[in-house]
N, C-alpha and C. Protein backbone atom coordinates (compact mmCIF):
# COMPACT_ATOMS: atom_id res chain seq x y z
N UNK A 1 17.10 -87.42 30.46
CA UNK A 1 16.72 -86.87 29.16
C UNK A 1 16.45 -85.37 29.27
N UNK A 2 15.75 -84.98 30.36
CA UNK A 2 15.42 -83.57 30.53
C UNK A 2 16.67 -82.73 30.74
N UNK A 3 17.64 -83.26 31.50
CA UNK A 3 18.88 -82.52 31.74
C UNK A 3 19.59 -82.26 30.43
N UNK A 4 19.74 -83.32 29.62
CA UNK A 4 20.39 -83.17 28.31
C UNK A 4 19.61 -82.21 27.43
N UNK A 5 18.29 -82.29 27.47
CA UNK A 5 17.43 -81.44 26.66
C UNK A 5 17.65 -79.97 27.00
N UNK A 6 17.65 -79.65 28.29
CA UNK A 6 17.84 -78.26 28.70
C UNK A 6 19.22 -77.74 28.31
N UNK A 7 20.24 -78.61 28.41
CA UNK A 7 21.59 -78.19 28.03
C UNK A 7 21.65 -77.85 26.54
N UNK A 8 21.05 -78.73 25.72
CA UNK A 8 21.06 -78.51 24.27
C UNK A 8 20.30 -77.24 23.90
N UNK A 9 19.18 -77.01 24.57
CA UNK A 9 18.40 -75.80 24.28
C UNK A 9 19.19 -74.57 24.67
N UNK A 10 19.87 -74.63 25.80
CA UNK A 10 20.65 -73.48 26.26
C UNK A 10 21.79 -73.15 25.30
N UNK A 11 22.27 -74.16 24.58
CA UNK A 11 23.33 -73.94 23.61
C UNK A 11 22.78 -73.57 22.23
N UNK A 12 21.45 -73.44 22.14
CA UNK A 12 20.77 -73.05 20.89
C UNK A 12 20.94 -74.08 19.79
N UNK A 13 21.27 -75.32 20.16
CA UNK A 13 21.43 -76.36 19.15
C UNK A 13 20.12 -76.64 18.44
N UNK A 14 19.05 -76.75 19.23
CA UNK A 14 17.77 -77.05 18.64
C UNK A 14 17.27 -75.90 17.76
N UNK A 15 17.53 -74.67 18.22
CA UNK A 15 17.09 -73.53 17.42
C UNK A 15 17.74 -73.53 16.05
N UNK A 16 19.04 -73.77 16.01
CA UNK A 16 19.77 -73.81 14.75
C UNK A 16 19.29 -74.96 13.88
N UNK A 17 19.10 -76.12 14.51
CA UNK A 17 18.69 -77.29 13.75
C UNK A 17 17.30 -77.12 13.16
N UNK A 18 16.37 -76.57 13.92
CA UNK A 18 15.02 -76.39 13.41
C UNK A 18 14.96 -75.37 12.29
N UNK A 19 15.83 -74.37 12.32
CA UNK A 19 15.89 -73.42 11.20
C UNK A 19 16.32 -74.13 9.93
N UNK A 20 17.26 -75.08 10.07
CA UNK A 20 17.70 -75.86 8.92
C UNK A 20 16.59 -76.77 8.42
N UNK A 21 15.71 -77.17 9.33
CA UNK A 21 14.58 -78.02 8.95
C UNK A 21 13.42 -77.21 8.39
N UNK A 22 13.56 -75.88 8.39
CA UNK A 22 12.52 -75.04 7.82
C UNK A 22 11.53 -74.48 8.83
N UNK A 23 11.84 -74.59 10.13
CA UNK A 23 10.95 -74.09 11.17
C UNK A 23 11.59 -72.90 11.87
N UNK A 24 10.77 -71.98 12.40
CA UNK A 24 11.31 -70.93 13.27
C UNK A 24 12.01 -71.57 14.46
N UNK A 25 13.06 -70.94 14.98
CA UNK A 25 13.88 -71.53 16.04
C UNK A 25 13.06 -71.89 17.27
N UNK A 26 12.10 -71.02 17.64
CA UNK A 26 11.34 -71.27 18.86
C UNK A 26 10.46 -72.51 18.77
N UNK A 27 10.18 -72.98 17.55
CA UNK A 27 9.35 -74.17 17.38
C UNK A 27 10.01 -75.41 17.98
N UNK A 28 11.34 -75.41 18.04
CA UNK A 28 12.04 -76.57 18.59
C UNK A 28 11.63 -76.81 20.04
N UNK A 29 11.58 -75.73 20.81
CA UNK A 29 11.21 -75.86 22.22
C UNK A 29 9.75 -76.26 22.35
N UNK A 30 8.88 -75.61 21.57
CA UNK A 30 7.45 -75.92 21.62
C UNK A 30 7.17 -77.37 21.28
N UNK A 31 7.78 -77.84 20.20
CA UNK A 31 7.50 -79.19 19.72
C UNK A 31 7.96 -80.25 20.70
N UNK A 32 9.20 -80.13 21.19
CA UNK A 32 9.74 -81.14 22.08
C UNK A 32 8.98 -81.20 23.41
N UNK A 33 8.65 -80.03 23.95
CA UNK A 33 7.93 -80.03 25.21
C UNK A 33 6.47 -80.45 25.03
N UNK A 34 5.89 -80.13 23.88
CA UNK A 34 4.52 -80.57 23.61
C UNK A 34 4.47 -82.09 23.53
N UNK A 35 5.45 -82.69 22.85
CA UNK A 35 5.51 -84.14 22.76
C UNK A 35 5.69 -84.76 24.13
N UNK A 36 6.55 -84.15 24.94
CA UNK A 36 6.82 -84.68 26.27
C UNK A 36 5.58 -84.61 27.16
N UNK A 37 4.91 -83.47 27.17
CA UNK A 37 3.72 -83.31 28.01
C UNK A 37 2.57 -84.20 27.55
N UNK A 38 2.41 -84.30 26.22
CA UNK A 38 1.30 -85.09 25.69
C UNK A 38 1.55 -86.59 25.77
N UNK A 39 2.74 -86.98 26.20
CA UNK A 39 3.01 -88.41 26.35
C UNK A 39 2.16 -89.01 27.47
N UNK A 40 1.56 -88.17 28.31
CA UNK A 40 0.70 -88.65 29.39
C UNK A 40 -0.75 -88.84 28.92
N UNK A 41 -1.02 -88.47 27.67
CA UNK A 41 -2.39 -88.56 27.15
C UNK A 41 -2.52 -89.77 26.24
N UNK A 42 -3.37 -90.72 26.64
CA UNK A 42 -3.65 -91.91 25.83
C UNK A 42 -5.10 -91.90 25.38
N UNK A 43 -5.31 -92.09 24.10
CA UNK A 43 -6.66 -92.08 23.53
C UNK A 43 -7.12 -93.51 23.31
N UNK A 44 -8.06 -94.02 24.12
CA UNK A 44 -8.53 -95.41 23.95
C UNK A 44 -9.22 -95.61 22.60
N UNK A 45 -8.91 -96.70 21.92
CA UNK A 45 -9.53 -96.97 20.63
C UNK A 45 -10.19 -98.34 20.55
N UNK A 46 -9.76 -99.28 21.41
CA UNK A 46 -10.31 -100.63 21.34
C UNK A 46 -10.07 -101.37 22.64
N UNK A 47 -10.93 -102.34 22.92
CA UNK A 47 -10.77 -103.18 24.11
C UNK A 47 -10.75 -104.65 23.66
N UNK A 48 -9.76 -105.39 24.15
CA UNK A 48 -9.65 -106.81 23.80
C UNK A 48 -9.60 -107.64 25.08
N UNK A 49 -9.93 -108.91 24.95
CA UNK A 49 -9.91 -109.82 26.09
C UNK A 49 -8.57 -110.55 26.14
N UNK A 50 -7.81 -110.40 27.22
CA UNK A 50 -6.51 -111.08 27.31
C UNK A 50 -6.65 -112.58 27.41
N UNK A 51 -5.70 -113.31 26.83
CA UNK A 51 -5.72 -114.77 26.88
C UNK A 51 -4.95 -115.32 28.08
N UNK A 52 -4.28 -114.40 28.80
CA UNK A 52 -3.50 -114.80 29.99
C UNK A 52 -3.87 -113.88 31.14
N UNK A 53 -3.63 -114.28 32.39
CA UNK A 53 -3.93 -113.42 33.53
C UNK A 53 -3.11 -112.13 33.50
N UNK A 54 -3.70 -111.06 33.97
CA UNK A 54 -2.99 -109.78 34.04
C UNK A 54 -1.94 -109.86 35.14
N UNK A 55 -0.70 -109.50 34.81
CA UNK A 55 0.40 -109.55 35.76
C UNK A 55 0.53 -108.21 36.46
N UNK A 56 0.75 -108.23 37.77
CA UNK A 56 0.91 -106.98 38.51
C UNK A 56 1.85 -107.17 39.67
N UNK A 57 2.39 -106.06 40.15
CA UNK A 57 3.15 -106.07 41.38
C UNK A 57 4.54 -106.66 41.33
N UNK A 58 5.18 -106.72 40.13
CA UNK A 58 6.56 -107.20 40.10
C UNK A 58 7.35 -106.38 39.09
N UNK A 59 8.67 -106.30 39.32
CA UNK A 59 9.55 -105.55 38.45
C UNK A 59 10.05 -106.42 37.31
N UNK A 60 10.22 -105.80 36.15
CA UNK A 60 10.68 -106.53 34.97
C UNK A 60 11.88 -105.80 34.39
N UNK A 61 12.98 -106.52 34.17
CA UNK A 61 14.18 -105.92 33.58
C UNK A 61 14.23 -106.25 32.10
N UNK A 62 14.26 -105.19 31.28
CA UNK A 62 14.30 -105.36 29.83
C UNK A 62 15.31 -104.40 29.24
N UNK A 63 16.30 -104.92 28.52
CA UNK A 63 17.30 -104.09 27.85
C UNK A 63 17.93 -103.08 28.80
N UNK A 64 18.33 -103.52 29.98
CA UNK A 64 19.02 -102.70 30.97
C UNK A 64 18.11 -101.69 31.65
N UNK A 65 16.81 -101.71 31.37
CA UNK A 65 15.88 -100.80 32.01
C UNK A 65 14.92 -101.60 32.87
N UNK A 66 14.49 -101.00 33.98
CA UNK A 66 13.61 -101.68 34.91
C UNK A 66 12.21 -101.10 34.81
N UNK A 67 11.22 -101.99 34.62
CA UNK A 67 9.84 -101.57 34.51
C UNK A 67 9.03 -102.18 35.67
N UNK A 68 8.03 -101.44 36.14
CA UNK A 68 7.10 -101.98 37.12
C UNK A 68 5.84 -102.41 36.40
N UNK A 69 5.44 -103.66 36.58
CA UNK A 69 4.27 -104.18 35.90
C UNK A 69 3.03 -103.38 36.27
N UNK A 70 2.12 -103.23 35.31
CA UNK A 70 0.92 -102.44 35.52
C UNK A 70 0.01 -103.06 36.57
N UNK A 71 -0.85 -102.22 37.14
CA UNK A 71 -1.83 -102.70 38.11
C UNK A 71 -2.90 -103.52 37.40
N UNK A 72 -3.49 -104.49 38.07
CA UNK A 72 -4.49 -105.34 37.42
C UNK A 72 -5.75 -104.58 37.06
N UNK A 73 -6.39 -105.01 35.98
CA UNK A 73 -7.66 -104.41 35.56
C UNK A 73 -8.80 -105.25 36.12
N UNK A 74 -9.75 -104.59 36.77
CA UNK A 74 -10.84 -105.30 37.44
C UNK A 74 -11.64 -106.14 36.45
N UNK A 75 -11.85 -105.60 35.25
CA UNK A 75 -12.66 -106.30 34.26
C UNK A 75 -11.85 -107.31 33.44
N UNK A 76 -10.56 -107.43 33.75
CA UNK A 76 -9.70 -108.37 33.04
C UNK A 76 -9.76 -108.15 31.53
N UNK A 77 -9.65 -106.91 31.13
CA UNK A 77 -9.63 -106.58 29.71
C UNK A 77 -8.41 -105.72 29.42
N UNK A 78 -7.98 -105.74 28.17
CA UNK A 78 -6.84 -104.93 27.75
C UNK A 78 -7.32 -103.83 26.83
N UNK A 79 -6.99 -102.61 27.16
CA UNK A 79 -7.38 -101.46 26.35
C UNK A 79 -6.22 -101.08 25.43
N UNK A 80 -6.51 -100.96 24.15
CA UNK A 80 -5.53 -100.48 23.17
C UNK A 80 -5.76 -98.98 22.99
N UNK A 81 -4.72 -98.20 23.22
CA UNK A 81 -4.83 -96.75 23.13
C UNK A 81 -3.74 -96.19 22.21
N UNK A 82 -3.93 -94.96 21.77
CA UNK A 82 -2.94 -94.26 20.96
C UNK A 82 -2.40 -93.09 21.78
N UNK A 83 -1.09 -93.03 21.93
CA UNK A 83 -0.47 -91.98 22.72
C UNK A 83 -0.36 -90.69 21.91
N UNK A 84 -0.83 -89.60 22.49
CA UNK A 84 -0.85 -88.33 21.77
C UNK A 84 0.56 -87.80 21.50
N UNK A 85 1.41 -87.85 22.50
CA UNK A 85 2.76 -87.31 22.34
C UNK A 85 3.72 -88.24 21.63
N UNK A 86 3.44 -89.55 21.67
CA UNK A 86 4.36 -90.51 21.08
C UNK A 86 3.92 -91.06 19.74
N UNK A 87 2.68 -90.76 19.33
CA UNK A 87 2.19 -91.28 18.05
C UNK A 87 1.57 -90.19 17.19
N UNK A 88 0.54 -89.52 17.71
CA UNK A 88 -0.20 -88.55 16.90
C UNK A 88 0.68 -87.37 16.49
N UNK A 89 1.31 -86.71 17.45
CA UNK A 89 2.12 -85.53 17.14
C UNK A 89 3.32 -85.89 16.26
N UNK A 90 4.09 -86.94 16.55
CA UNK A 90 5.21 -87.30 15.68
C UNK A 90 4.78 -87.68 14.26
N UNK A 91 3.63 -88.34 14.11
CA UNK A 91 3.16 -88.71 12.77
C UNK A 91 2.78 -87.46 11.98
N UNK A 92 2.10 -86.52 12.63
CA UNK A 92 1.76 -85.25 11.96
C UNK A 92 3.03 -84.53 11.52
N UNK A 93 4.03 -84.51 12.40
CA UNK A 93 5.31 -83.88 12.07
C UNK A 93 5.98 -84.61 10.91
N UNK A 94 5.91 -85.93 10.90
CA UNK A 94 6.51 -86.72 9.83
C UNK A 94 5.84 -86.44 8.49
N UNK A 95 4.52 -86.32 8.49
CA UNK A 95 3.80 -86.02 7.26
C UNK A 95 4.22 -84.67 6.70
N UNK A 96 4.41 -83.71 7.59
CA UNK A 96 4.84 -82.38 7.15
C UNK A 96 6.25 -82.43 6.56
N UNK A 97 7.17 -83.11 7.25
CA UNK A 97 8.55 -83.19 6.79
C UNK A 97 8.67 -83.99 5.50
N UNK A 98 7.77 -84.95 5.28
CA UNK A 98 7.85 -85.78 4.07
C UNK A 98 7.60 -85.00 2.80
N UNK A 99 6.99 -83.83 2.92
CA UNK A 99 6.76 -82.99 1.74
C UNK A 99 8.04 -82.28 1.29
N UNK A 100 9.08 -82.33 2.13
CA UNK A 100 10.32 -81.60 1.83
C UNK A 100 11.41 -82.50 1.26
N UNK A 101 11.17 -83.82 1.25
CA UNK A 101 12.21 -84.74 0.80
C UNK A 101 11.62 -85.73 -0.22
N UNK A 102 12.50 -86.53 -0.78
CA UNK A 102 12.07 -87.53 -1.77
C UNK A 102 11.20 -88.59 -1.11
N UNK A 103 10.04 -88.84 -1.70
CA UNK A 103 9.14 -89.84 -1.16
C UNK A 103 9.75 -91.24 -1.23
N UNK A 104 10.52 -91.49 -2.27
CA UNK A 104 11.18 -92.79 -2.42
C UNK A 104 12.17 -93.02 -1.28
N UNK A 105 12.97 -91.98 -0.97
CA UNK A 105 13.93 -92.08 0.14
C UNK A 105 13.21 -92.33 1.46
N UNK A 106 12.11 -91.64 1.66
CA UNK A 106 11.33 -91.79 2.90
C UNK A 106 10.80 -93.22 3.02
N UNK A 107 10.22 -93.73 1.94
CA UNK A 107 9.65 -95.08 1.97
C UNK A 107 10.72 -96.14 2.20
N UNK A 108 11.88 -95.96 1.58
CA UNK A 108 12.98 -96.91 1.78
C UNK A 108 13.41 -96.89 3.25
N UNK A 109 13.57 -95.69 3.79
CA UNK A 109 13.97 -95.56 5.19
C UNK A 109 12.97 -96.20 6.14
N UNK A 110 11.69 -95.93 5.92
CA UNK A 110 10.64 -96.50 6.79
C UNK A 110 10.63 -98.02 6.69
N UNK A 111 10.73 -98.55 5.47
CA UNK A 111 10.69 -99.99 5.26
C UNK A 111 11.85 -100.69 5.96
N UNK A 112 13.06 -100.17 5.77
CA UNK A 112 14.24 -100.79 6.38
C UNK A 112 14.18 -100.74 7.90
N UNK A 113 13.86 -99.58 8.45
CA UNK A 113 13.80 -99.43 9.91
C UNK A 113 12.69 -100.29 10.49
N UNK A 114 11.55 -100.35 9.82
CA UNK A 114 10.44 -101.17 10.30
C UNK A 114 10.84 -102.63 10.39
N UNK A 115 11.48 -103.14 9.36
CA UNK A 115 11.89 -104.55 9.34
C UNK A 115 12.89 -104.84 10.45
N UNK A 116 13.90 -103.99 10.57
CA UNK A 116 14.94 -104.23 11.60
C UNK A 116 14.35 -104.14 13.00
N UNK A 117 13.57 -103.08 13.25
CA UNK A 117 13.00 -102.88 14.58
C UNK A 117 12.03 -104.00 14.94
N UNK A 118 11.25 -104.44 13.97
CA UNK A 118 10.28 -105.49 14.24
C UNK A 118 10.97 -106.80 14.62
N UNK A 119 12.10 -107.08 14.00
CA UNK A 119 12.84 -108.31 14.30
C UNK A 119 13.51 -108.23 15.66
N UNK A 120 13.86 -107.03 16.10
CA UNK A 120 14.55 -106.86 17.38
C UNK A 120 13.56 -106.81 18.54
N UNK A 121 12.41 -106.16 18.34
CA UNK A 121 11.43 -106.01 19.42
C UNK A 121 10.89 -107.36 19.85
N UNK A 122 10.60 -107.49 21.14
CA UNK A 122 10.07 -108.76 21.64
C UNK A 122 9.03 -108.51 22.72
N UNK A 123 8.01 -109.36 22.79
CA UNK A 123 6.97 -109.19 23.80
C UNK A 123 7.47 -109.59 25.19
N UNK A 124 7.05 -108.84 26.20
CA UNK A 124 7.42 -109.13 27.58
C UNK A 124 6.14 -109.20 28.40
N UNK A 125 5.87 -110.36 28.98
CA UNK A 125 4.66 -110.54 29.78
C UNK A 125 4.62 -109.51 30.92
N UNK A 126 3.48 -108.87 31.06
CA UNK A 126 3.29 -107.90 32.13
C UNK A 126 3.84 -106.53 31.84
N UNK A 127 4.48 -106.34 30.69
CA UNK A 127 5.07 -105.04 30.36
C UNK A 127 4.59 -104.52 29.01
N UNK A 128 4.81 -105.30 27.95
CA UNK A 128 4.43 -104.86 26.60
C UNK A 128 5.45 -105.32 25.59
N UNK A 129 5.55 -104.61 24.48
CA UNK A 129 6.55 -104.92 23.46
C UNK A 129 7.79 -104.09 23.77
N UNK A 130 8.91 -104.76 23.99
CA UNK A 130 10.11 -104.08 24.46
C UNK A 130 11.16 -103.96 23.36
N UNK A 131 11.86 -102.83 23.39
CA UNK A 131 13.01 -102.62 22.52
C UNK A 131 13.91 -101.60 23.21
N UNK A 132 15.22 -101.73 23.03
CA UNK A 132 16.13 -100.78 23.65
C UNK A 132 15.91 -99.40 23.03
N UNK A 133 15.75 -98.40 23.87
CA UNK A 133 15.36 -97.07 23.38
C UNK A 133 16.41 -96.41 22.51
N UNK A 134 17.67 -96.85 22.59
CA UNK A 134 18.72 -96.20 21.81
C UNK A 134 18.84 -96.77 20.40
N UNK A 135 18.28 -97.96 20.16
CA UNK A 135 18.43 -98.58 18.84
C UNK A 135 17.71 -97.82 17.72
N UNK A 136 16.41 -97.51 17.84
CA UNK A 136 15.72 -96.81 16.74
C UNK A 136 16.36 -95.49 16.32
N UNK A 137 16.70 -94.59 17.26
CA UNK A 137 17.27 -93.31 16.81
C UNK A 137 18.60 -93.45 16.09
N UNK A 138 19.48 -94.32 16.58
CA UNK A 138 20.78 -94.45 15.94
C UNK A 138 20.70 -95.24 14.64
N UNK A 139 19.80 -96.22 14.59
CA UNK A 139 19.59 -96.94 13.33
C UNK A 139 19.02 -96.00 12.27
N UNK A 140 18.06 -95.17 12.67
CA UNK A 140 17.44 -94.23 11.74
C UNK A 140 18.46 -93.21 11.25
N UNK A 141 19.31 -92.74 12.16
CA UNK A 141 20.33 -91.76 11.78
C UNK A 141 21.31 -92.36 10.78
N UNK A 142 21.77 -93.58 11.06
CA UNK A 142 22.72 -94.25 10.16
C UNK A 142 22.10 -94.51 8.79
N UNK A 143 20.86 -94.97 8.78
CA UNK A 143 20.18 -95.26 7.52
C UNK A 143 19.96 -93.99 6.71
N UNK A 144 19.59 -92.91 7.39
CA UNK A 144 19.34 -91.64 6.69
C UNK A 144 20.62 -91.10 6.06
N UNK A 145 21.75 -91.25 6.75
CA UNK A 145 23.02 -90.78 6.21
C UNK A 145 23.43 -91.60 4.98
N UNK A 146 23.04 -92.86 4.94
CA UNK A 146 23.34 -93.71 3.79
C UNK A 146 22.43 -93.37 2.61
N UNK A 147 21.14 -93.19 2.89
CA UNK A 147 20.16 -92.95 1.83
C UNK A 147 20.33 -91.58 1.20
N UNK A 148 20.39 -90.54 2.02
CA UNK A 148 20.47 -89.17 1.51
C UNK A 148 21.11 -88.25 2.54
N UNK A 149 22.43 -88.10 2.51
CA UNK A 149 23.13 -87.28 3.51
C UNK A 149 22.60 -85.85 3.61
N UNK A 150 22.20 -85.27 2.48
CA UNK A 150 21.74 -83.88 2.50
C UNK A 150 20.39 -83.73 3.19
N UNK A 151 19.60 -84.77 3.18
CA UNK A 151 18.28 -84.73 3.84
C UNK A 151 18.23 -85.64 5.06
N UNK A 152 19.39 -85.98 5.60
CA UNK A 152 19.47 -86.95 6.69
C UNK A 152 18.60 -86.60 7.90
N UNK A 153 18.58 -85.34 8.37
CA UNK A 153 17.77 -85.04 9.57
C UNK A 153 16.30 -85.40 9.40
N UNK A 154 15.72 -85.00 8.26
CA UNK A 154 14.30 -85.23 8.05
C UNK A 154 13.99 -86.71 7.82
N UNK A 155 14.84 -87.37 7.02
CA UNK A 155 14.61 -88.80 6.76
C UNK A 155 14.80 -89.61 8.03
N UNK A 156 15.78 -89.22 8.86
CA UNK A 156 16.01 -89.92 10.12
C UNK A 156 14.80 -89.80 11.03
N UNK A 157 14.24 -88.61 11.10
CA UNK A 157 13.08 -88.41 11.98
C UNK A 157 11.88 -89.21 11.48
N UNK A 158 11.60 -89.10 10.18
CA UNK A 158 10.43 -89.78 9.61
C UNK A 158 10.56 -91.30 9.71
N UNK A 159 11.69 -91.83 9.25
CA UNK A 159 11.87 -93.28 9.25
C UNK A 159 11.96 -93.83 10.66
N UNK A 160 12.61 -93.10 11.56
CA UNK A 160 12.73 -93.54 12.94
C UNK A 160 11.40 -93.54 13.66
N UNK A 161 10.61 -92.49 13.43
CA UNK A 161 9.32 -92.36 14.09
C UNK A 161 8.31 -93.37 13.55
N UNK A 162 8.08 -93.33 12.25
CA UNK A 162 7.08 -94.20 11.63
C UNK A 162 7.53 -95.67 11.70
N UNK A 163 8.81 -95.91 11.45
CA UNK A 163 9.32 -97.27 11.51
C UNK A 163 9.19 -97.88 12.89
N UNK A 164 9.42 -97.06 13.92
CA UNK A 164 9.30 -97.54 15.29
C UNK A 164 7.84 -97.84 15.64
N UNK A 165 6.94 -96.96 15.26
CA UNK A 165 5.52 -97.17 15.54
C UNK A 165 5.00 -98.44 14.86
N UNK A 166 5.40 -98.63 13.60
CA UNK A 166 4.93 -99.80 12.86
C UNK A 166 5.61 -101.07 13.35
N UNK A 167 6.95 -101.02 13.44
CA UNK A 167 7.71 -102.21 13.80
C UNK A 167 7.50 -102.70 15.21
N UNK A 168 7.38 -101.76 16.16
CA UNK A 168 7.24 -102.16 17.56
C UNK A 168 5.78 -102.39 17.94
N UNK A 169 4.92 -101.44 17.59
CA UNK A 169 3.54 -101.48 18.09
C UNK A 169 2.54 -102.11 17.12
N UNK A 170 2.42 -101.56 15.93
CA UNK A 170 1.35 -101.97 15.02
C UNK A 170 1.50 -103.42 14.55
N UNK A 171 2.70 -103.83 14.19
CA UNK A 171 2.90 -105.19 13.71
C UNK A 171 2.83 -106.23 14.84
N UNK A 172 2.77 -105.77 16.07
CA UNK A 172 2.68 -106.69 17.20
C UNK A 172 1.32 -106.64 17.89
N UNK A 173 0.34 -106.01 17.24
CA UNK A 173 -0.99 -105.91 17.84
C UNK A 173 -1.60 -107.29 18.13
N UNK A 174 -1.31 -108.25 17.28
CA UNK A 174 -1.90 -109.59 17.47
C UNK A 174 -1.36 -110.28 18.72
N UNK A 175 -0.23 -109.79 19.27
CA UNK A 175 0.36 -110.39 20.46
C UNK A 175 -0.17 -109.78 21.75
N UNK A 176 -0.96 -108.72 21.65
CA UNK A 176 -1.43 -108.01 22.83
C UNK A 176 -2.21 -108.90 23.80
N UNK A 177 -3.14 -109.76 23.33
CA UNK A 177 -3.88 -110.60 24.28
C UNK A 177 -3.00 -111.53 25.10
N UNK A 178 -1.77 -111.78 24.66
CA UNK A 178 -0.87 -112.69 25.38
C UNK A 178 0.08 -111.97 26.33
N UNK A 179 -0.04 -110.64 26.42
CA UNK A 179 0.89 -109.87 27.26
C UNK A 179 0.43 -109.76 28.70
N UNK A 180 -0.86 -109.88 28.94
CA UNK A 180 -1.36 -109.79 30.31
C UNK A 180 -1.23 -108.41 30.92
N UNK A 181 -1.51 -107.37 30.13
CA UNK A 181 -1.45 -106.00 30.63
C UNK A 181 -2.81 -105.33 30.42
N UNK A 182 -3.21 -104.41 31.32
CA UNK A 182 -4.51 -103.75 31.19
C UNK A 182 -4.56 -102.71 30.08
N UNK A 183 -3.40 -102.09 29.78
CA UNK A 183 -3.38 -101.05 28.75
C UNK A 183 -2.15 -101.21 27.87
N UNK A 184 -2.34 -101.13 26.57
CA UNK A 184 -1.24 -101.09 25.62
C UNK A 184 -1.38 -99.79 24.83
N UNK A 185 -0.37 -98.95 24.91
CA UNK A 185 -0.43 -97.64 24.27
C UNK A 185 0.49 -97.60 23.06
N UNK A 186 -0.08 -97.38 21.89
CA UNK A 186 0.71 -97.23 20.66
C UNK A 186 1.44 -95.90 20.70
N UNK A 187 2.76 -95.97 20.73
CA UNK A 187 3.56 -94.76 20.85
C UNK A 187 3.85 -94.37 22.28
N UNK A 188 3.41 -95.19 23.23
CA UNK A 188 3.64 -94.89 24.63
C UNK A 188 4.79 -95.69 25.21
N UNK A 189 5.07 -95.45 26.49
CA UNK A 189 6.10 -96.19 27.24
C UNK A 189 7.44 -96.18 26.51
N UNK A 190 8.03 -97.38 26.30
CA UNK A 190 9.35 -97.47 25.68
C UNK A 190 9.37 -96.95 24.25
N UNK A 191 8.27 -97.10 23.53
CA UNK A 191 8.21 -96.60 22.16
C UNK A 191 8.31 -95.08 22.14
N UNK A 192 7.64 -94.43 23.12
CA UNK A 192 7.74 -92.97 23.20
C UNK A 192 9.18 -92.54 23.45
N UNK A 193 9.87 -93.22 24.37
CA UNK A 193 11.26 -92.88 24.65
C UNK A 193 12.11 -92.94 23.39
N UNK A 194 11.91 -94.02 22.61
CA UNK A 194 12.68 -94.19 21.38
C UNK A 194 12.36 -93.10 20.38
N UNK A 195 11.08 -92.75 20.24
CA UNK A 195 10.67 -91.72 19.29
C UNK A 195 11.17 -90.34 19.73
N UNK A 196 11.10 -90.07 21.03
CA UNK A 196 11.58 -88.79 21.54
C UNK A 196 13.07 -88.64 21.28
N UNK A 197 13.83 -89.71 21.53
CA UNK A 197 15.27 -89.67 21.27
C UNK A 197 15.55 -89.58 19.77
N UNK A 198 14.70 -90.19 18.95
CA UNK A 198 14.86 -90.08 17.50
C UNK A 198 14.74 -88.63 17.07
N UNK A 199 13.81 -87.90 17.67
CA UNK A 199 13.67 -86.48 17.38
C UNK A 199 14.91 -85.71 17.73
N UNK A 200 15.49 -86.02 18.89
CA UNK A 200 16.69 -85.31 19.33
C UNK A 200 17.87 -85.63 18.40
N UNK A 201 18.07 -86.92 18.09
CA UNK A 201 19.19 -87.32 17.24
C UNK A 201 19.05 -86.74 15.83
N UNK A 202 17.84 -86.78 15.28
CA UNK A 202 17.65 -86.27 13.92
C UNK A 202 17.86 -84.77 13.86
N UNK A 203 17.47 -84.06 14.91
CA UNK A 203 17.69 -82.62 14.96
C UNK A 203 19.19 -82.32 15.03
N UNK A 204 19.91 -83.11 15.80
CA UNK A 204 21.36 -82.90 15.92
C UNK A 204 22.08 -83.19 14.60
N UNK A 205 21.51 -84.05 13.75
CA UNK A 205 22.10 -84.33 12.45
C UNK A 205 22.13 -83.09 11.56
N UNK A 206 21.20 -82.17 11.84
CA UNK A 206 21.14 -80.94 11.04
C UNK A 206 22.34 -80.05 11.31
């Protein structure tokens, strides 16, 4: 992802795209790297008691990607956290972009993407809620082009980001005690990858 990111930046693709989105060109670099760096920051919000033993020390293959199960938690509790780079920053960006497009188009995009993503995502013991990282960005891009081609970049970003957070993480909160993991991060791990790629794809649509 970083290699592709640096290539695109060197070609000034992001600068041009962000100008079309109403931002100074340099904001593209700041925003993408800020999201990437802040993906390591998780803000704990709640602790729940798992209904199954915490799984550790084994690899899990999901959607062609390999994950290493988290280390066990001594207190046998699961912490629900919010990822700064994968949830907070993208949501703030989405709120800002939503002021530039039709609210009806935005709501339709979010609703459709949320429903589709939620049906595709599935819980994986010892890992979390899994979904292929390429599905949300391309689904959001296709939906945005259908809803409003002229505003496709912004609608794709908003619907892909918010739809992914709701469909993958928020609507599956009730399944967390059955996952057997010490930490579940809203907007983290695979969800962050999908949201980060959604940002790249939506920018390229511009």
